[in-house]
Amino acid sequence: MKKLLIIGVLAIFIFSGFAFINRTKSEPKGKYCHVYGKIKIVEYGEDYKVKGVSYGEDLKVKRVNYGEGKVGKWKIVKYGEDFKIKYVDYGQHFKVKFVDYGEGCN
């Protein structure tokens, strides 16, 4: 009886470990990788403060007119936004570099 209990507990740990490994592999690596889609640029009431940089970025962003449903692609809109962004020179939540290709998280 004890052997069955021990085998059952070990099986649960093993299978839950595989589930954890698969989940972490599919999740984006960067902290702000979830910021994509329809983006509204605002002066106040922002969700995130962002600084545009040439190097040392947290996220590479490609501005698109369609296909914004992937990491690193932003469609700039006036309404119906997923996130509101305010551009700042300091005090940012994260830094972005605007690119023509190679968008995504570091």
PDB file of N, CA and C in Angstrom:
ATOM      1  N   MET A   1       0.814  -1.192   0.000  1.00  0.00           N
ATOM      2  CA  MET A   1       0.000   0.000   0.000  1.00  0.00           C
ATOM      3  C   MET A   1       0.871   1.275   0.000  1.00  0.00           C
ATOM      4  N   LYS A   2       1.933   1.264   0.829  1.00  0.00           N
ATOM      5  CA  LYS A   2       2.814   2.425   0.880  1.00  0.00           C
ATOM      6  C   LYS A   2       3.539   2.626  -0.443  1.00  0.00           C
ATOM      7  N   LYS A   3       3.902   1.500  -1.101  1.00  0.00           N
ATOM      8  CA  LYS A   3       4.590   1.604  -2.386  1.00  0.00           C
ATOM      9  C   LYS A   3       3.698   2.278  -3.426  1.00  0.00           C
ATOM     10  N   LEU A   4       2.422   1.931  -3.462  1.00  0.00           N
ATOM     11  CA  LEU A   4       1.493   2.559  -4.406  1.00  0.00           C
ATOM     12  C   LEU A   4       1.341   4.040  -4.121  1.00  0.00           C
ATOM     13  N   LEU A   5       1.280   4.414  -2.856  1.00  0.00           N
ATOM     14  CA  LEU A   5       1.159   5.820  -2.483  1.00  0.00           C
ATOM     15  C   LEU A   5       2.404   6.598  -2.915  1.00  0.00           C
ATOM     16  N   ILE A   6       3.578   6.024  -2.654  1.00  0.00           N
ATOM     17  CA  ILE A   6       4.828   6.683  -3.037  1.00  0.00           C
ATOM     18  C   ILE A   6       4.923   6.806  -4.552  1.00  0.00           C
ATOM     19  N   ILE A   7       4.578   5.763  -5.285  1.00  0.00           N
ATOM     20  CA  ILE A   7       4.607   5.807  -6.748  1.00  0.00           C
ATOM     21  C   ILE A   7       3.623   6.852  -7.272  1.00  0.00           C
ATOM     22  N   GLY A   8       2.449   6.932  -6.677  1.00  0.00           N
ATOM     23  CA  GLY A   8       1.452   7.923  -7.093  1.00  0.00           C
ATOM     24  C   GLY A   8       1.934   9.345  -6.876  1.00  0.00           C
ATOM     25  N   VAL A   9       2.535   9.593  -5.708  1.00  0.00           N
ATOM     26  CA  VAL A   9       3.042  10.937  -5.405  1.00  0.00           C
ATOM     27  C   VAL A   9       4.175  11.299  -6.362  1.00  0.00           C
ATOM     28  N   LEU A  10       5.090  10.363  -6.606  1.00  0.00           N
ATOM     29  CA  LEU A  10       6.182  10.626  -7.549  1.00  0.00           C
ATOM     30  C   LEU A  10       5.657  10.900  -8.956  1.00  0.00           C
ATOM     31  N   ALA A  11       4.648  10.158  -9.373  1.00  0.00           N
ATOM     32  CA  ALA A  11       4.064  10.374 -10.706  1.00  0.00           C
ATOM     33  C   ALA A  11       3.467  11.772 -10.811  1.00  0.00           C
ATOM     34  N   ILE A  12       2.803  12.216  -9.765  1.00  0.00           N
ATOM     35  CA  ILE A  12       2.216  13.567  -9.774  1.00  0.00           C
ATOM     36  C   ILE A  12       3.316  14.618  -9.897  1.00  0.00           C
ATOM     37  N   PHE A  13       4.400  14.477  -9.127  1.00  0.00           N
ATOM     38  CA  PHE A  13       5.500  15.434  -9.208  1.00  0.00           C
ATOM     39  C   PHE A  13       6.145  15.440 -10.590  1.00  0.00           C
ATOM     40  N   ILE A  14       6.334  14.272 -11.167  1.00  0.00           N
ATOM     41  CA  ILE A  14       6.967  14.178 -12.482  1.00  0.00           C
ATOM     42  C   ILE A  14       6.102  14.840 -13.544  1.00  0.00           C
ATOM     43  N   PHE A  15       4.801  14.521 -13.567  1.00  0.00           N
ATOM     44  CA  PHE A  15       3.917  15.098 -14.589  1.00  0.00           C
ATOM     45  C   PHE A  15       3.706  16.588 -14.395  1.00  0.00           C
ATOM     46  N   SER A  16       3.635  17.041 -13.140  1.00  0.00           N
ATOM     47  CA  SER A  16       3.494  18.485 -12.922  1.00  0.00           C
ATOM     48  C   SER A  16       4.773  19.208 -13.328  1.00  0.00           C
ATOM     49  N   GLY A  17       5.936  18.560 -13.156  1.00  0.00           N
ATOM     50  CA  GLY A  17       7.192  19.157 -13.606  1.00  0.00           C
ATOM     51  C   GLY A  17       7.233  19.325 -15.108  1.00  0.00           C
ATOM     52  N   PHE A  18       6.739  18.328 -15.872  1.00  0.00           N
ATOM     53  CA  PHE A  18       6.671  18.435 -17.326  1.00  0.00           C
ATOM     54  C   PHE A  18       5.730  19.548 -17.743  1.00  0.00           C
ATOM     55  N   ALA A  19       4.615  19.688 -17.054  1.00  0.00           N
ATOM     56  CA  ALA A  19       3.670  20.761 -17.387  1.00  0.00           C
ATOM     57  C   ALA A  19       4.307  22.120 -17.146  1.00  0.00           C
ATOM     58  N   PHE A  20       5.073  22.272 -16.068  1.00  0.00           N
ATOM     59  CA  PHE A  20       5.738  23.536 -15.770  1.00  0.00           C
ATOM     60  C   PHE A  20       6.780  23.857 -16.830  1.00  0.00           C
ATOM     61  N   ILE A  21       7.561  22.869 -17.242  1.00  0.00           N
ATOM     62  CA  ILE A  21       8.592  23.075 -18.263  1.00  0.00           C
ATOM     63  C   ILE A  21       7.950  23.498 -19.570  1.00  0.00           C
ATOM     64  N   ASN A  22       6.893  22.860 -19.997  1.00  0.00           N
ATOM     65  CA  ASN A  22       6.225  23.212 -21.250  1.00  0.00           C
ATOM     66  C   ASN A  22       5.623  24.606 -21.181  1.00  0.00           C
ATOM     67  N   ARG A  23       5.060  24.991 -20.036  1.00  0.00           N
ATOM     68  CA  ARG A  23       4.455  26.305 -19.908  1.00  0.00           C
ATOM     69  C   ARG A  23       5.508  27.401 -19.976  1.00  0.00           C
ATOM     70  N   THR A  24       6.624  27.218 -19.304  1.00  0.00           N
ATOM     71  CA  THR A  24       7.640  28.263 -19.299  1.00  0.00           C
ATOM     72  C   THR A  24       8.320  28.391 -20.650  1.00  0.00           C
ATOM     73  N   LYS A  25       8.419  27.334 -21.421  1.00  0.00           N
ATOM     74  CA  LYS A  25       9.030  27.432 -22.744  1.00  0.00           C
ATOM     75  C   LYS A  25       8.151  28.227 -23.699  1.00  0.00           C
ATOM     76  N   SER A  26       6.831  28.156 -23.543  1.00  0.00           N
ATOM     77  CA  SER A  26       5.931  28.825 -24.474  1.00  0.00           C
ATOM     78  C   SER A  26       5.697  30.289 -24.111  1.00  0.00           C
ATOM     79  N   GLU A  27       6.018  30.684 -22.876  1.00  0.00           N
ATOM     80  CA  GLU A  27       5.803  32.061 -22.458  1.00  0.00           C
ATOM     81  C   GLU A  27       6.928  32.953 -22.969  1.00  0.00           C
ATOM     82  N   PRO A  28       6.626  34.214 -23.265  1.00  0.00           N
ATOM     83  CA  PRO A  28       7.678  35.135 -23.686  1.00  0.00           C
ATOM     84  C   PRO A  28       8.719  35.321 -22.595  1.00  0.00           C
ATOM     85  N   LYS A  29       9.956  35.617 -22.996  1.00  0.00           N
ATOM     86  CA  LYS A  29      11.061  35.749 -22.054  1.00  0.00           C
ATOM     87  C   LYS A  29      11.047  37.093 -21.333  1.00  0.00           C
ATOM     88  N   GLY A  30      10.782  38.173 -22.040  1.00  0.00           N
ATOM     89  CA  GLY A  30      10.876  39.504 -21.450  1.00  0.00           C
ATOM     90  C   GLY A  30       9.686  39.858 -20.587  1.00  0.00           C
ATOM     91  N   LYS A  31       9.910  40.808 -19.699  1.00  0.00           N
ATOM     92  CA  LYS A  31       8.864  41.219 -18.767  1.00  0.00           C
ATOM     93  C   LYS A  31       7.735  41.963 -19.466  1.00  0.00           C
ATOM     94  N   TYR A  32       8.036  42.703 -20.521  1.00  0.00           N
ATOM     95  CA  TYR A  32       7.017  43.511 -21.190  1.00  0.00           C
ATOM     96  C   TYR A  32       6.680  42.985 -22.582  1.00  0.00           C
ATOM     97  N   CYS A  33       6.897  41.710 -22.809  1.00  0.00           N
ATOM     98  CA  CYS A  33       6.582  41.114 -24.111  1.00  0.00           C
ATOM     99  C   CYS A  33       5.084  41.085 -24.387  1.00  0.00           C
ATOM    100  N   HIS A  34       4.274  41.162 -23.346  1.00  0.00           N
ATOM    101  CA  HIS A  34       2.822  41.111 -23.524  1.00  0.00           C
ATOM    102  C   HIS A  34       2.250  42.422 -24.063  1.00  0.00           C
ATOM    103  N   VAL A  35       3.066  43.462 -24.171  1.00  0.00           N
ATOM    104  CA  VAL A  35       2.589  44.758 -24.670  1.00  0.00           C
ATOM    105  C   VAL A  35       2.709  44.761 -26.186  1.00  0.00           C
ATOM    106  N   TYR A  36       1.642  44.338 -26.846  1.00  0.00           N
ATOM    107  CA  TYR A  36       1.568  44.358 -28.310  1.00  0.00           C
ATOM    108  C   TYR A  36       0.104  44.436 -28.706  1.00  0.00           C
ATOM    109  N   GLY A  37      -0.133  44.688 -29.969  1.00  0.00           N
ATOM    110  CA  GLY A  37      -1.510  44.819 -30.440  1.00  0.00           C
ATOM    111  C   GLY A  37      -1.822  46.255 -30.800  1.00  0.00           C
ATOM    112  N   LYS A  38      -3.017  46.694 -30.427  1.00  0.00           N
ATOM    113  CA  LYS A  38      -3.458  48.063 -30.716  1.00  0.00           C
ATOM    114  C   LYS A  38      -2.985  48.979 -29.597  1.00  0.00           C
ATOM    115  N   ILE A  39      -2.176  49.962 -29.974  1.00  0.00           N
ATOM    116  CA  ILE A  39      -1.531  50.864 -29.016  1.00  0.00           C
ATOM    117  C   ILE A  39      -2.018  52.288 -29.255  1.00  0.00           C
ATOM    118  N   LYS A  40      -2.432  52.944 -28.187  1.00  0.00           N
ATOM    119  CA  LYS A  40      -2.821  54.354 -28.265  1.00  0.00           C
ATOM    120  C   LYS A  40      -1.751  55.180 -27.560  1.00  0.00           C
ATOM    121  N   ILE A  41      -1.249  56.213 -28.231  1.00  0.00           N
ATOM    122  CA  ILE A  41      -0.245  57.108 -27.657  1.00  0.00           C
ATOM    123  C   ILE A  41      -0.989  58.219 -26.916  1.00  0.00           C
ATOM    124  N   VAL A  42      -0.677  58.414 -25.636  1.00  0.00           N
ATOM    125  CA  VAL A  42      -1.389  59.389 -24.806  1.00  0.00           C
ATOM    126  C   VAL A  42      -0.397  60.289 -24.080  1.00  0.00           C
ATOM    127  N   GLU A  43      -0.897  61.387 -23.548  1.00  0.00           N
ATOM    128  CA  GLU A  43      -0.104  62.299 -22.722  1.00  0.00           C
ATOM    129  C   GLU A  43      -0.307  62.029 -21.237  1.00  0.00           C
ATOM    130  N   TYR A  44      -1.456  61.457 -20.864  1.00  0.00           N
ATOM    131  CA  TYR A  44      -1.739  61.100 -19.474  1.00  0.00           C
ATOM    132  C   TYR A  44      -2.715  59.926 -19.464  1.00  0.00           C
ATOM    133  N   GLY A  45      -2.797  59.247 -18.324  1.00  0.00           N
ATOM    134  CA  GLY A  45      -3.665  58.084 -18.212  1.00  0.00           C
ATOM    135  C   GLY A  45      -3.085  56.840 -18.869  1.00  0.00           C
ATOM    136  N   GLU A  46      -1.774  56.761 -18.938  1.00  0.00           N
ATOM    137  CA  GLU A  46      -1.088  55.671 -19.631  1.00  0.00           C
ATOM    138  C   GLU A  46      -1.097  54.387 -18.802  1.00  0.00           C
ATOM    139  N   ASP A  47      -0.964  53.267 -19.512  1.00  0.00           N
ATOM    140  CA  ASP A  47      -0.726  51.981 -18.860  1.00  0.00           C
ATOM    141  C   ASP A  47       0.764  51.804 -18.598  1.00  0.00           C
ATOM    142  N   TYR A  48       1.578  52.271 -19.557  1.00  0.00           N
ATOM    143  CA  TYR A  48       3.033  52.137 -19.458  1.00  0.00           C
ATOM    144  C   TYR A  48       3.713  53.397 -19.964  1.00  0.00           C
ATOM    145  N   LYS A  49       4.837  53.730 -19.317  1.00  0.00           N
ATOM    146  CA  LYS A  49       5.713  54.787 -19.802  1.00  0.00           C
ATOM    147  C   LYS A  49       6.846  54.106 -20.553  1.00  0.00           C
ATOM    148  N   VAL A  50       7.133  54.604 -21.752  1.00  0.00           N
ATOM    149  CA  VAL A  50       8.088  53.951 -22.645  1.00  0.00           C
ATOM    150  C   VAL A  50       9.118  54.967 -23.113  1.00  0.00           C
ATOM    151  N   LYS A  51      10.364  54.518 -23.176  1.00  0.00           N
ATOM    152  CA  LYS A  51      11.431  55.348 -23.716  1.00  0.00           C
ATOM    153  C   LYS A  51      11.923  54.704 -25.002  1.00  0.00           C
ATOM    154  N   GLY A  52      12.000  55.475 -26.078  1.00  0.00           N
ATOM    155  CA  GLY A  52      12.548  54.994 -27.342  1.00  0.00           C
ATOM    156  C   GLY A  52      14.065  55.116 -27.321  1.00  0.00           C
ATOM    157  N   VAL A  53      14.770  54.027 -27.650  1.00  0.00           N
ATOM    158  CA  VAL A  53      16.229  54.012 -27.620  1.00  0.00           C
ATOM    159  C   VAL A  53      16.789  53.412 -28.897  1.00  0.00           C
ATOM    160  N   SER A  54      18.076  53.607 -29.121  1.00  0.00           N
ATOM    161  CA  SER A  54      18.770  53.020 -30.265  1.00  0.00           C
ATOM    162  C   SER A  54      19.442  51.702 -29.909  1.00  0.00           C
ATOM    163  N   TYR A  55      19.753  51.509 -28.633  1.00  0.00           N
ATOM    164  CA  TYR A  55      20.356  50.265 -28.168  1.00  0.00           C
ATOM    165  C   TYR A  55      19.989  50.077 -26.700  1.00  0.00           C
ATOM    166  N   GLY A  56      20.145  48.855 -26.195  1.00  0.00           N
ATOM    167  CA  GLY A  56      19.810  48.559 -24.800  1.00  0.00           C
ATOM    168  C   GLY A  56      18.323  48.429 -24.574  1.00  0.00           C
ATOM    169  N   GLU A  57      17.579  48.043 -25.606  1.00  0.00           N
ATOM    170  CA  GLU A  57      16.126  47.960 -25.515  1.00  0.00           C
ATOM    171  C   GLU A  57      15.670  46.711 -24.764  1.00  0.00           C
ATOM    172  N   ASP A  58      14.457  46.783 -24.204  1.00  0.00           N
ATOM    173  CA  ASP A  58      13.793  45.630 -23.603  1.00  0.00           C
ATOM    174  C   ASP A  58      12.910  44.927 -24.626  1.00  0.00           C
ATOM    175  N   LEU A  59      12.458  45.681 -25.622  1.00  0.00           N
ATOM    176  CA  LEU A  59      11.529  45.164 -26.619  1.00  0.00           C
ATOM    177  C   LEU A  59      11.793  45.831 -27.962  1.00  0.00           C
ATOM    178  N   LYS A  60      11.886  45.032 -29.020  1.00  0.00           N
ATOM    179  CA  LYS A  60      11.997  45.576 -30.375  1.00  0.00           C
ATOM    180  C   LYS A  60      10.601  45.620 -30.964  1.00  0.00           C
ATOM    181  N   VAL A  61      10.204  46.786 -31.487  1.00  0.00           N
ATOM    182  CA  VAL A  61       8.838  47.002 -31.950  1.00  0.00           C
ATOM    183  C   VAL A  61       8.819  47.343 -33.430  1.00  0.00           C
ATOM    184  N   LYS A  62       7.915  46.717 -34.142  1.00  0.00           N
ATOM    185  CA  LYS A  62       7.659  47.049 -35.544  1.00  0.00           C
ATOM    186  C   LYS A  62       6.253  47.641 -35.617  1.00  0.00           C
ATOM    187  N   ARG A  63       6.149  48.834 -36.186  1.00  0.00           N
ATOM    188  CA  ARG A  63       4.824  49.447 -36.375  1.00  0.00           C
ATOM    189  C   ARG A  63       4.186  48.833 -37.609  1.00  0.00           C
ATOM    190  N   VAL A  64       2.942  48.372 -37.467  1.00  0.00           N
ATOM    191  CA  VAL A  64       2.249  47.693 -38.554  1.00  0.00           C
ATOM    192  C   VAL A  64       0.854  48.287 -38.740  1.00  0.00           C
ATOM    193  N   ASN A  65       0.272  48.036 -39.913  1.00  0.00           N
ATOM    194  CA  ASN A  65      -1.101  48.436 -40.180  1.00  0.00           C
ATOM    195  C   ASN A  65      -2.073  47.287 -39.977  1.00  0.00           C
ATOM    196  N   TYR A  66      -1.568  46.067 -39.998  1.00  0.00           N
ATOM    197  CA  TYR A  66      -2.366  44.865 -39.734  1.00  0.00           C
ATOM    198  C   TYR A  66      -1.439  43.771 -39.246  1.00  0.00           C
ATOM    199  N   GLY A  67      -1.994  42.717 -38.668  1.00  0.00           N
ATOM    200  CA  GLY A  67      -1.176  41.631 -38.145  1.00  0.00           C
ATOM    201  C   GLY A  67      -0.536  41.954 -36.815  1.00  0.00           C
ATOM    202  N   GLU A  68      -1.207  42.766 -36.004  1.00  0.00           N
ATOM    203  CA  GLU A  68      -0.635  43.218 -34.738  1.00  0.00           C
ATOM    204  C   GLU A  68      -0.786  42.206 -33.609  1.00  0.00           C
ATOM    205  N   GLY A  69      -1.230  41.016 -33.894  1.00  0.00           N
ATOM    206  CA  GLY A  69      -1.481  40.012 -32.865  1.00  0.00           C
ATOM    207  C   GLY A  69      -0.276  39.210 -32.454  1.00  0.00           C
ATOM    208  N   LYS A  70       0.923  39.698 -32.678  1.00  0.00           N
ATOM    209  CA  LYS A  70       2.143  38.970 -32.310  1.00  0.00           C
ATOM    210  C   LYS A  70       3.066  39.865 -31.505  1.00  0.00           C
ATOM    211  N   VAL A  71       3.917  39.241 -30.712  1.00  0.00           N
ATOM    212  CA  VAL A  71       4.865  39.969 -29.860  1.00  0.00           C
ATOM    213  C   VAL A  71       5.742  40.885 -30.709  1.00  0.00           C
ATOM    214  N   GLY A  72       5.830  42.152 -30.287  1.00  0.00           N
ATOM    215  CA  GLY A  72       6.690  43.113 -30.967  1.00  0.00           C
ATOM    216  C   GLY A  72       6.016  43.886 -32.081  1.00  0.00           C
ATOM    217  N   LYS A  73       4.738  43.626 -32.344  1.00  0.00           N
ATOM    218  CA  LYS A  73       4.034  44.356 -33.410  1.00  0.00           C
ATOM    219  C   LYS A  73       2.997  45.280 -32.786  1.00  0.00           C
ATOM    220  N   TRP A  74       3.116  46.566 -33.135  1.00  0.00           N
ATOM    221  CA  TRP A  74       2.201  47.588 -32.619  1.00  0.00           C
ATOM    222  C   TRP A  74       1.458  48.231 -33.769  1.00  0.00           C
ATOM    223  N   LYS A  75       0.144  48.314 -33.647  1.00  0.00           N
ATOM    224  CA  LYS A  75      -0.681  49.097 -34.560  1.00  0.00           C
ATOM    225  C   LYS A  75      -1.136  50.325 -33.771  1.00  0.00           C
ATOM    226  N   ILE A  76      -0.738  51.499 -34.221  1.00  0.00           N
ATOM    227  CA  ILE A  76      -1.087  52.738 -33.532  1.00  0.00           C
ATOM    228  C   ILE A  76      -2.519  53.117 -33.895  1.00  0.00           C
ATOM    229  N   VAL A  77      -3.372  53.299 -32.867  1.00  0.00           N
ATOM    230  CA  VAL A  77      -4.786  53.599 -33.075  1.00  0.00           C
ATOM    231  C   VAL A  77      -5.197  54.812 -32.243  1.00  0.00           C
ATOM    232  N   LYS A  78      -6.343  55.376 -32.572  1.00  0.00           N
ATOM    233  CA  LYS A  78      -6.900  56.498 -31.812  1.00  0.00           C
ATOM    234  C   LYS A  78      -7.936  56.037 -30.795  1.00  0.00           C
ATOM    235  N   TYR A  79      -8.537  54.867 -31.026  1.00  0.00           N
ATOM    236  CA  TYR A  79      -9.509  54.295 -30.087  1.00  0.00           C
ATOM    237  C   TYR A  79      -9.530  52.778 -30.260  1.00  0.00           C
ATOM    238  N   GLY A  80     -10.108  52.083 -29.280  1.00  0.00           N
ATOM    239  CA  GLY A  80     -10.160  50.629 -29.326  1.00  0.00           C
ATOM    240  C   GLY A  80      -8.829  49.984 -28.998  1.00  0.00           C
ATOM    241  N   GLU A  81      -8.035  50.654 -28.162  1.00  0.00           N
ATOM    242  CA  GLU A  81      -6.679  50.207 -27.872  1.00  0.00           C
ATOM    243  C   GLU A  81      -6.647  49.017 -26.892  1.00  0.00           C
ATOM    244  N   ASP A  82      -5.542  48.274 -26.975  1.00  0.00           N
ATOM    245  CA  ASP A  82      -5.248  47.241 -25.984  1.00  0.00           C
ATOM    246  C   ASP A  82      -4.436  47.843 -24.836  1.00  0.00           C
ATOM    247  N   PHE A  83      -3.537  48.771 -25.182  1.00  0.00           N
ATOM    248  CA  PHE A  83      -2.685  49.436 -24.196  1.00  0.00           C
ATOM    249  C   PHE A  83      -2.537  50.905 -24.542  1.00  0.00           C
ATOM    250  N   LYS A  84      -2.354  51.732 -23.481  1.00  0.00           N
ATOM    251  CA  LYS A  84      -2.063  53.155 -23.660  1.00  0.00           C
ATOM    252  C   LYS A  84      -0.616  53.389 -23.265  1.00  0.00           C
ATOM    253  N   ILE A  85       0.129  54.053 -24.151  1.00  0.00           N
ATOM    254  CA  ILE A  85       1.559  54.277 -23.972  1.00  0.00           C
ATOM    255  C   ILE A  85       1.839  55.772 -23.927  1.00  0.00           C
ATOM    256  N   LYS A  86       2.716  56.162 -23.023  1.00  0.00           N
ATOM    257  CA  LYS A  86       3.209  57.545 -22.971  1.00  0.00           C
ATOM    258  C   LYS A  86       4.711  57.489 -23.188  1.00  0.00           C
ATOM    259  N   TYR A  87       5.205  58.260 -24.147  1.00  0.00           N
ATOM    260  CA  TYR A  87       6.644  58.345 -24.394  1.00  0.00           C
ATOM    261  C   TYR A  87       7.263  59.310 -23.389  1.00  0.00           C
ATOM    262  N   VAL A  88       8.349  58.883 -22.757  1.00  0.00           N
ATOM    263  CA  VAL A  88       9.040  59.707 -21.761  1.00  0.00           C
ATOM    264  C   VAL A  88      10.549  59.662 -22.009  1.00  0.00           C
ATOM    265  N   ASP A  89      11.265  60.607 -21.413  1.00  0.00           N
ATOM    266  CA  ASP A  89      12.722  60.625 -21.499  1.00  0.00           C
ATOM    267  C   ASP A  89      13.366  59.917 -20.309  1.00  0.00           C
ATOM    268  N   TYR A  90      12.647  59.839 -19.188  1.00  0.00           N
ATOM    269  CA  TYR A  90      13.156  59.151 -18.002  1.00  0.00           C
ATOM    270  C   TYR A  90      11.963  58.649 -17.189  1.00  0.00           C
ATOM    271  N   GLY A  91      12.212  57.724 -16.280  1.00  0.00           N
ATOM    272  CA  GLY A  91      11.138  57.167 -15.458  1.00  0.00           C
ATOM    273  C   GLY A  91      10.283  56.152 -16.204  1.00  0.00           C
ATOM    274  N   GLN A  92      10.848  55.510 -17.210  1.00  0.00           N
ATOM    275  CA  GLN A  92      10.103  54.575 -18.048  1.00  0.00           C
ATOM    276  C   GLN A  92       9.915  53.223 -17.362  1.00  0.00           C
ATOM    277  N   HIS A  93       8.866  52.513 -17.793  1.00  0.00           N
ATOM    278  CA  HIS A  93       8.676  51.128 -17.377  1.00  0.00           C
ATOM    279  C   HIS A  93       9.589  50.204 -18.174  1.00  0.00           C
ATOM    280  N   PHE A  94       9.732  50.510 -19.459  1.00  0.00           N
ATOM    281  CA  PHE A  94      10.626  49.728 -20.315  1.00  0.00           C
ATOM    282  C   PHE A  94      11.048  50.546 -21.513  1.00  0.00           C
ATOM    283  N   LYS A  95      12.104  50.046 -22.207  1.00  0.00           N
ATOM    284  CA  LYS A  95      12.676  50.745 -23.357  1.00  0.00           C
ATOM    285  C   LYS A  95      12.368  49.965 -24.628  1.00  0.00           C
ATOM    286  N   VAL A  96      12.039  50.691 -25.699  1.00  0.00           N
ATOM    287  CA  VAL A  96      11.753  50.051 -26.981  1.00  0.00           C
ATOM    288  C   VAL A  96      12.675  50.600 -28.057  1.00  0.00           C
ATOM    289  N   LYS A  97      12.945  49.739 -29.020  1.00  0.00           N
ATOM    290  CA  LYS A  97      13.675  50.139 -30.214  1.00  0.00           C
ATOM    291  C   LYS A  97      12.757  49.831 -31.382  1.00  0.00           C
ATOM    292  N   PHE A  98      12.507  50.818 -32.230  1.00  0.00           N
ATOM    293  CA  PHE A  98      11.649  50.616 -33.388  1.00  0.00           C
ATOM    294  C   PHE A  98      12.482  50.064 -34.535  1.00  0.00           C
ATOM    295  N   VAL A  99      12.014  48.961 -35.110  1.00  0.00           N
ATOM    296  CA  VAL A  99      12.757  48.237 -36.147  1.00  0.00           C
ATOM    297  C   VAL A  99      11.848  47.947 -37.340  1.00  0.00           C
ATOM    298  N   ASP A 100      12.467  47.627 -38.480  1.00  0.00           N
ATOM    299  CA  ASP A 100      11.714  47.217 -39.655  1.00  0.00           C
ATOM    300  C   ASP A 100      11.554  45.709 -39.724  1.00  0.00           C
ATOM    301  N   TYR A 101      12.454  44.979 -39.050  1.00  0.00           N
ATOM    302  CA  TYR A 101      12.370  43.514 -38.984  1.00  0.00           C
ATOM    303  C   TYR A 101      13.096  43.065 -37.723  1.00  0.00           C
ATOM    304  N   GLY A 102      12.851  41.831 -37.316  1.00  0.00           N
ATOM    305  CA  GLY A 102      13.481  41.309 -36.101  1.00  0.00           C
ATOM    306  C   GLY A 102      12.808  41.754 -34.828  1.00  0.00           C
ATOM    307  N   GLU A 103      11.524  42.071 -34.890  1.00  0.00           N
ATOM    308  CA  GLU A 103      10.797  42.530 -33.707  1.00  0.00           C
ATOM    309  C   GLU A 103      10.641  41.405 -32.694  1.00  0.00           C
ATOM    310  N   GLY A 104      10.416  41.783 -31.447  1.00  0.00           N
ATOM    311  CA  GLY A 104      10.195  40.811 -30.386  1.00  0.00           C
ATOM    312  C   GLY A 104      10.984  41.149 -29.141  1.00  0.00           C
ATOM    313  N   CYS A 105      11.026  40.188 -28.224  1.00  0.00           N
ATOM    314  CA  CYS A 105      11.702  40.378 -26.942  1.00  0.00           C
ATOM    315  C   CYS A 105      13.143  39.919 -27.007  1.00  0.00           C
ATOM    316  N   ASN A 106      13.934  40.494 -26.132  1.00  0.00           N
ATOM    317  CA  ASN A 106      15.348  40.097 -26.002  1.00  0.00           C
ATOM    318  C   ASN A 106      15.471  38.979 -25.015  1.00  0.00           C
TER     319      ASN A 106
END
